[in-house]
Structures are given as structure tokens and as C-alpha cells.
Protein backbone atom coordinates (compact mmCIF):
# COMPACT_ATOMS: atom_id res chain seq x y z
CA MET A 1 46.13 116.83 63.78
CA LYS A 2 47.55 120.13 64.85
CA VAL A 3 47.21 119.08 68.51
CA LEU A 4 48.94 115.77 67.83
CA GLY A 5 51.83 117.57 66.13
CA GLU A 6 52.11 119.97 69.07
CA ILE A 7 52.22 117.05 71.54
CA LYS A 8 54.94 115.36 69.46
CA GLN A 9 56.97 118.59 69.39
CA ARG A 10 56.66 119.00 73.16
CA ALA A 11 57.67 115.37 73.70
CA ASN A 12 60.70 115.85 71.44
CA ASP A 13 61.65 119.04 73.28
CA PHE A 14 61.27 117.25 76.60
CA CYS A 15 63.43 114.31 75.46
CA TYR A 16 66.03 116.70 74.06
CA GLY A 17 66.11 118.53 77.39
CA LEU A 18 66.61 115.25 79.22
CA GLU A 19 69.47 114.29 76.91
CA VAL A 20 71.15 117.65 77.48
CA LYS A 21 70.80 117.26 81.25
CA LYS A 22 72.14 113.72 81.02
CA MET A 23 75.22 114.89 79.10
CA LEU A 24 75.81 117.73 81.57
CA ALA A 25 75.51 115.31 84.50
CA LYS A 26 78.01 112.94 82.89
CA ASP A 27 80.46 115.80 82.38
CA ARG A 28 80.03 116.93 85.98
CA ILE A 29 80.57 113.39 87.31
CA LYS A 30 83.73 113.12 85.20
CA GLU A 31 84.99 116.42 86.66
CA ILE A 32 84.28 115.24 90.20
CA LYS A 33 86.12 111.96 89.63
CA GLU A 34 89.18 113.78 88.28
CA ASP A 35 89.19 116.39 91.06
CA ASN A 36 91.81 115.55 93.71
CA ARG A 37 91.88 118.72 95.80
CA GLY A 38 90.60 117.02 98.97
CA ILE A 39 93.02 114.11 98.94
CA ALA A 40 95.59 115.86 101.14
CA VAL A 41 92.99 116.45 103.85
CA ILE A 42 91.95 112.80 103.78
CA GLU A 43 95.58 111.68 104.04
CA ILE A 44 96.19 113.91 107.07
CA ILE A 45 93.05 112.64 108.79
CA LEU A 46 94.04 109.02 108.16
CA ILE A 47 97.55 109.62 109.53
CA LEU A 48 96.09 111.24 112.66
CA VAL A 49 93.73 108.32 113.18
CA ILE A 50 96.61 105.85 112.88
CA VAL A 51 98.81 107.82 115.28
CA LEU A 52 96.00 108.14 117.82
CA GLY A 53 95.30 104.43 117.52
CA LEU A 54 98.94 103.59 118.18
CA VAL A 55 99.02 105.92 121.17
CA LEU A 56 95.91 104.27 122.61
CA ILE A 57 97.30 100.78 122.05
CA PHE A 58 100.72 101.51 123.57
CA ARG A 59 99.71 104.10 126.18
CA ASN A 60 100.93 102.03 129.14
CA ASN A 61 104.31 101.44 127.54
CA LEU A 62 104.62 105.11 126.59
CA LYS A 63 103.70 106.23 130.10
CA THR A 64 106.34 104.04 131.74
CA MET A 65 108.95 105.12 129.18
CA ILE A 66 108.22 108.82 129.76
CA ASP A 67 108.28 108.33 133.53
CA GLU A 68 111.69 106.63 133.26
CA ILE A 69 113.06 109.44 131.11
CA PHE A 70 111.91 112.12 133.55
CA SER A 71 113.26 110.21 136.56
CA LYS A 72 116.67 109.97 134.81
CA ILE A 73 116.57 113.69 134.10
CA LYS A 74 115.75 114.46 137.73
CA GLY A 75 118.46 112.05 138.94
CA ASN A 76 121.12 113.67 136.75
CA GLN A 77 120.00 117.21 137.57
CA LYS A 78 122.55 117.61 140.40
CA LYS A 79 125.40 116.45 138.15
CA ILE A 80 124.40 118.93 135.46
CA VAL A 81 123.86 121.92 137.80
CA ALA A 82 126.96 121.31 140.03
CA PRO A 83 129.57 122.64 137.56
CA LEU A 84 127.51 125.81 137.05
CA SER A 85 127.54 126.72 140.79
């Protein structure tokens, strides 16, 4: 009988330990869900992905637009520099 009582006590201790671990795990999961420290990093990464996607989609249009802007700058260079001479 003494052995049976010892086994019951060990089983109860084991179950109690599992319950404590279960409660601690629930508390930790709740803390993780409420933690929002990494949200800013995720937002920045998503914005970068969107911007890079737009650049890849419209790269031909952007290239022609930039080439036109630089050709206008080079064409107007003499008009800008002439009064300074």
C-alpha cells in the first residue's frame, strides 16, 4: 500500500508540474501576442518590397523619363552658364 500511495503522490506531482508549465506557456503566448516591437521593421520591409516591385514594373518608363530629364539639363546648360561668363 505504501508503494501505491507513493506512485499516486508522484503522479499528482507530475500532473501538477504539467499544469504549472501549461499556465506558464499560456502566459508566455499571451505576452508574445501582445508584443508589437517588431511591427515597425515589418512595415519598412513591406514598403521596400512594394517600392522595388514598382521600380521593376515601370523600369522602362523610368529610364526614358530620366534620360529625357538629363538631356534637357544638358541642352539648357549653355543658357545657364552663359550669364556667368
